[in-house]
Amino acid sequence: MRRSVARRGWALVDVIVGGVILGIGLAAVVSIAERSLAMQQRSERELVAAQLLDGLLAEVLAVGVVEWSLASPTAGSFEPPHEQWAWELDIDKQGLGDPYRVVAVARDRNGAEFRVETLMAPRPEGFEEPDRMPEAPIDRQARYDELP
């Protein structure tokens, strides 16, 4: 009879130890999942910021760095669906014949700042904007209809 009581006591200890080990394992898994989610959210914000800044710098390049600095604002917010993101642009002339130093900054609604710095050459004197309209209208629907 003493043996069966002793066995039941050890079984209870085994269950308690197993529960503690299981709890520690679950806590570790939850901690890893939280960090993974935080890293995913951070990388998503970095990707959005990179795309927004790339678009902003492409617009400056298309307009011309000198023309942009004369006629466009130096700060603002992006268009929907990214209206919660703000941007700043700092254009500095380096010297005669040198490219302009352009610093673009994007801030999300939490205040996280993403910065890109690059150099852009001004457009040559007398540069005429090319006509970018196609000679004939493009029928996109007909292109899709031709696919097998």
C-alpha atoms as a PDB file:
ATOM      1  CA  MET A   1       0.000   0.000   0.000  1.00  0.00           C
ATOM      2  CA  ARG A   2       2.866   2.341   0.749  1.00  0.00           C
ATOM      3  CA  ARG A   3       4.279   1.730  -2.717  1.00  0.00           C
ATOM      4  CA  SER A   4       1.093   2.822  -4.459  1.00  0.00           C
ATOM      5  CA  VAL A   5       0.885   6.014  -2.362  1.00  0.00           C
ATOM      6  CA  ALA A   6       4.540   6.777  -3.140  1.00  0.00           C
ATOM      7  CA  ARG A   7       3.979   6.225  -6.842  1.00  0.00           C
ATOM      8  CA  ARG A   8       1.027   8.581  -6.866  1.00  0.00           C
ATOM      9  CA  GLY A   9       3.155  11.241  -5.174  1.00  0.00           C
ATOM     10  CA  TRP A  10       5.848  10.942  -7.844  1.00  0.00           C
ATOM     11  CA  ALA A  11       3.266  11.107 -10.593  1.00  0.00           C
ATOM     12  CA  LEU A  12       2.052  14.402  -9.182  1.00  0.00           C
ATOM     13  CA  VAL A  13       5.624  15.754  -9.106  1.00  0.00           C
ATOM     14  CA  ASP A  14       6.078  14.614 -12.732  1.00  0.00           C
ATOM     15  CA  VAL A  15       2.920  16.463 -13.784  1.00  0.00           C
ATOM     16  CA  ILE A  16       4.019  19.650 -11.977  1.00  0.00           C
ATOM     17  CA  VAL A  17       7.526  19.554 -13.513  1.00  0.00           C
ATOM     18  CA  GLY A  18       6.039  18.881 -16.962  1.00  0.00           C
ATOM     19  CA  GLY A  19       3.640  21.819 -16.557  1.00  0.00           C
ATOM     20  CA  VAL A  20       6.489  24.155 -15.568  1.00  0.00           C
ATOM     21  CA  ILE A  21       8.581  23.060 -18.551  1.00  0.00           C
ATOM     22  CA  LEU A  22       5.581  23.486 -20.864  1.00  0.00           C
ATOM     23  CA  GLY A  23       4.931  26.976 -19.446  1.00  0.00           C
ATOM     24  CA  ILE A  24       8.554  28.028 -20.000  1.00  0.00           C
ATOM     25  CA  GLY A  25       8.412  26.720 -23.587  1.00  0.00           C
ATOM     26  CA  LEU A  26       5.170  28.559 -24.328  1.00  0.00           C
ATOM     27  CA  ALA A  27       6.551  31.787 -22.860  1.00  0.00           C
ATOM     28  CA  ALA A  28       9.606  31.474 -25.137  1.00  0.00           C
ATOM     29  CA  VAL A  29       7.416  30.860 -28.199  1.00  0.00           C
ATOM     30  CA  VAL A  30       5.200  33.857 -27.409  1.00  0.00           C
ATOM     31  CA  SER A  31       8.265  36.073 -26.914  1.00  0.00           C
ATOM     32  CA  ILE A  32       9.739  34.989 -30.246  1.00  0.00           C
ATOM     33  CA  ALA A  33       6.390  35.568 -31.994  1.00  0.00           C
ATOM     34  CA  GLU A  34       6.135  39.102 -30.560  1.00  0.00           C
ATOM     35  CA  ARG A  35       9.642  39.989 -31.709  1.00  0.00           C
ATOM     36  CA  SER A  36       8.951  38.516 -35.133  1.00  0.00           C
ATOM     37  CA  LEU A  37       5.788  40.596 -35.488  1.00  0.00           C
ATOM     38  CA  ALA A  38       7.619  43.770 -34.407  1.00  0.00           C
ATOM     39  CA  MET A  39      10.397  43.110 -36.937  1.00  0.00           C
ATOM     40  CA  GLN A  40       7.826  42.499 -39.687  1.00  0.00           C
ATOM     41  CA  GLN A  41       6.046  45.782 -38.914  1.00  0.00           C
ATOM     42  CA  ARG A  42       9.352  47.679 -38.894  1.00  0.00           C
ATOM     43  CA  SER A  43      10.401  46.210 -42.229  1.00  0.00           C
ATOM     44  CA  GLU A  44       6.982  47.064 -43.687  1.00  0.00           C
ATOM     45  CA  ARG A  45       7.408  50.715 -42.612  1.00  0.00           C
ATOM     46  CA  GLU A  46      10.921  50.765 -44.094  1.00  0.00           C
ATOM     47  CA  LEU A  47       9.617  49.369 -47.382  1.00  0.00           C
ATOM     48  CA  VAL A  48       6.800  51.937 -47.579  1.00  0.00           C
ATOM     49  CA  ALA A  49       9.243  54.746 -46.733  1.00  0.00           C
ATOM     50  CA  ALA A  50      11.677  53.560 -49.408  1.00  0.00           C
ATOM     51  CA  GLN A  51       8.937  53.483 -52.040  1.00  0.00           C
ATOM     52  CA  LEU A  52       7.610  56.924 -51.064  1.00  0.00           C
ATOM     53  CA  LEU A  53      11.067  58.505 -51.039  1.00  0.00           C
ATOM     54  CA  ASP A  54      11.930  56.861 -54.354  1.00  0.00           C
ATOM     55  CA  GLY A  55       8.795  58.367 -55.889  1.00  0.00           C
ATOM     56  CA  LEU A  56       9.555  61.800 -54.422  1.00  0.00           C
ATOM     57  CA  LEU A  57      13.138  61.786 -55.701  1.00  0.00           C
ATOM     58  CA  ALA A  58      11.972  60.542 -59.120  1.00  0.00           C
ATOM     59  CA  GLU A  59       9.570  63.484 -59.270  1.00  0.00           C
ATOM     60  CA  VAL A  60      12.378  65.908 -58.386  1.00  0.00           C
ATOM     61  CA  LEU A  61      14.537  64.346 -61.081  1.00  0.00           C
ATOM     62  CA  ALA A  62      11.727  64.545 -63.662  1.00  0.00           C
ATOM     63  CA  VAL A  63      10.967  68.201 -62.880  1.00  0.00           C
ATOM     64  CA  GLY A  64      14.604  69.153 -62.492  1.00  0.00           C
ATOM     65  CA  VAL A  65      16.409  69.868 -59.260  1.00  0.00           C
ATOM     66  CA  VAL A  66      16.747  73.617 -59.912  1.00  0.00           C
ATOM     67  CA  GLU A  67      13.171  73.972 -61.122  1.00  0.00           C
ATOM     68  CA  TRP A  68      11.885  72.041 -58.085  1.00  0.00           C
ATOM     69  CA  SER A  69      13.816  74.190 -55.635  1.00  0.00           C
ATOM     70  CA  LEU A  70      12.426  77.367 -57.239  1.00  0.00           C
ATOM     71  CA  ALA A  71       8.768  76.422 -57.686  1.00  0.00           C
ATOM     72  CA  SER A  72       7.841  73.576 -55.325  1.00  0.00           C
ATOM     73  CA  PRO A  73       7.416  73.292 -51.562  1.00  0.00           C
ATOM     74  CA  THR A  74      10.146  71.837 -49.374  1.00  0.00           C
ATOM     75  CA  ALA A  75       7.762  69.880 -47.133  1.00  0.00           C
ATOM     76  CA  GLY A  76       4.348  68.287 -47.241  1.00  0.00           C
ATOM     77  CA  SER A  77       2.482  65.040 -46.891  1.00  0.00           C
ATOM     78  CA  PHE A  78       2.146  62.221 -49.374  1.00  0.00           C
ATOM     79  CA  GLU A  79      -1.049  61.535 -51.302  1.00  0.00           C
ATOM     80  CA  PRO A  80      -3.583  58.890 -50.192  1.00  0.00           C
ATOM     81  CA  PRO A  81      -3.348  56.148 -49.133  1.00  0.00           C
ATOM     82  CA  HIS A  82      -0.166  57.409 -47.449  1.00  0.00           C
ATOM     83  CA  GLU A  83      -1.441  60.770 -46.223  1.00  0.00           C
ATOM     84  CA  GLN A  84      -0.260  59.973 -42.692  1.00  0.00           C
ATOM     85  CA  TRP A  85       3.335  60.117 -43.984  1.00  0.00           C
ATOM     86  CA  ALA A  86       5.062  63.525 -44.102  1.00  0.00           C
ATOM     87  CA  TRP A  87       8.061  64.461 -46.241  1.00  0.00           C
ATOM     88  CA  GLU A  88      10.795  67.089 -46.275  1.00  0.00           C
ATOM     89  CA  LEU A  89      13.227  67.914 -49.019  1.00  0.00           C
ATOM     90  CA  ASP A  90      16.480  69.817 -48.588  1.00  0.00           C
ATOM     91  CA  ILE A  91      18.288  70.866 -51.779  1.00  0.00           C
ATOM     92  CA  ASP A  92      21.749  72.411 -51.409  1.00  0.00           C
ATOM     93  CA  LYS A  93      23.949  73.754 -54.175  1.00  0.00           C
ATOM     94  CA  GLN A  94      27.474  72.423 -53.694  1.00  0.00           C
ATOM     95  CA  GLY A  95      29.508  74.639 -55.963  1.00  0.00           C
ATOM     96  CA  LEU A  96      29.834  75.795 -59.543  1.00  0.00           C
ATOM     97  CA  GLY A  97      29.574  72.754 -61.795  1.00  0.00           C
ATOM     98  CA  ASP A  98      28.955  70.357 -58.906  1.00  0.00           C
ATOM     99  CA  PRO A  99      25.738  68.360 -58.489  1.00  0.00           C
ATOM    100  CA  TYR A 100      23.143  69.456 -55.959  1.00  0.00           C
ATOM    101  CA  ARG A 101      22.980  67.610 -52.630  1.00  0.00           C
ATOM    102  CA  VAL A 102      19.405  66.407 -52.122  1.00  0.00           C
ATOM    103  CA  VAL A 103      18.223  65.040 -48.770  1.00  0.00           C
ATOM    104  CA  ALA A 104      14.742  63.529 -48.642  1.00  0.00           C
ATOM    105  CA  VAL A 105      13.136  62.619 -45.313  1.00  0.00           C
ATOM    106  CA  ALA A 106       9.912  60.691 -44.705  1.00  0.00           C
ATOM    107  CA  ARG A 107       8.206  60.483 -41.303  1.00  0.00           C
ATOM    108  CA  ASP A 108       5.421  58.106 -40.382  1.00  0.00           C
ATOM    109  CA  ARG A 109       2.631  58.911 -37.944  1.00  0.00           C
ATOM    110  CA  ASN A 110       4.683  57.482 -35.054  1.00  0.00           C
ATOM    111  CA  GLY A 111       7.521  59.914 -35.744  1.00  0.00           C
ATOM    112  CA  ALA A 112       9.941  57.344 -37.167  1.00  0.00           C
ATOM    113  CA  GLU A 113      12.253  59.087 -39.633  1.00  0.00           C
ATOM    114  CA  PHE A 114      13.657  57.617 -42.834  1.00  0.00           C
ATOM    115  CA  ARG A 115      16.344  59.588 -44.702  1.00  0.00           C
ATOM    116  CA  VAL A 116      17.877  59.340 -48.174  1.00  0.00           C
ATOM    117  CA  GLU A 117      20.739  61.519 -49.374  1.00  0.00           C
ATOM    118  CA  THR A 118      21.799  61.704 -53.023  1.00  0.00           C
ATOM    119  CA  LEU A 119      23.401  63.984 -55.595  1.00  0.00           C
ATOM    120  CA  MET A 120      21.521  65.313 -58.641  1.00  0.00           C
ATOM    121  CA  ALA A 121      22.917  67.215 -61.576  1.00  0.00           C
ATOM    122  CA  PRO A 122      20.925  70.190 -62.881  1.00  0.00           C
ATOM    123  CA  ARG A 123      19.409  70.085 -66.331  1.00  0.00           C
ATOM    124  CA  PRO A 124      21.558  71.550 -69.081  1.00  0.00           C
ATOM    125  CA  GLU A 125      20.903  75.102 -70.261  1.00  0.00           C
ATOM    126  CA  GLY A 126      18.207  75.349 -72.920  1.00  0.00           C
ATOM    127  CA  PHE A 127      16.810  71.879 -72.144  1.00  0.00           C
ATOM    128  CA  GLU A 128      13.402  71.433 -73.732  1.00  0.00           C
ATOM    129  CA  GLU A 129      10.890  69.084 -72.152  1.00  0.00           C
ATOM    130  CA  PRO A 130      10.231  66.232 -74.622  1.00  0.00           C
ATOM    131  CA  ASP A 131       6.695  65.405 -75.723  1.00  0.00           C
ATOM    132  CA  ARG A 132       5.878  62.228 -73.852  1.00  0.00           C
ATOM    133  CA  MET A 133       2.502  61.525 -75.421  1.00  0.00           C
ATOM    134  CA  PRO A 134       2.369  58.439 -77.668  1.00  0.00           C
ATOM    135  CA  GLU A 135       1.828  59.074 -81.365  1.00  0.00           C
ATOM    136  CA  ALA A 136      -1.208  56.774 -81.459  1.00  0.00           C
ATOM    137  CA  PRO A 137      -3.569  55.970 -78.593  1.00  0.00           C
ATOM    138  CA  ILE A 138      -2.909  52.642 -76.895  1.00  0.00           C
ATOM    139  CA  ASP A 139      -5.817  50.198 -76.838  1.00  0.00           C
ATOM    140  CA  ARG A 140      -5.024  48.156 -73.745  1.00  0.00           C
ATOM    141  CA  GLN A 141      -8.255  46.168 -73.841  1.00  0.00           C
ATOM    142  CA  ALA A 142      -7.472  44.886 -77.328  1.00  0.00           C
ATOM    143  CA  ARG A 143      -4.089  43.666 -76.062  1.00  0.00           C
ATOM    144  CA  TYR A 144      -5.775  41.620 -73.353  1.00  0.00           C
ATOM    145  CA  ASP A 145      -8.376  40.275 -75.755  1.00  0.00           C
ATOM    146  CA  GLU A 146      -5.617  38.920 -78.036  1.00  0.00           C
ATOM    147  CA  LEU A 147      -4.131  36.748 -75.280  1.00  0.00           C
ATOM    148  CA  PRO A 148      -4.950  33.022 -75.519  1.00  0.00           C
END
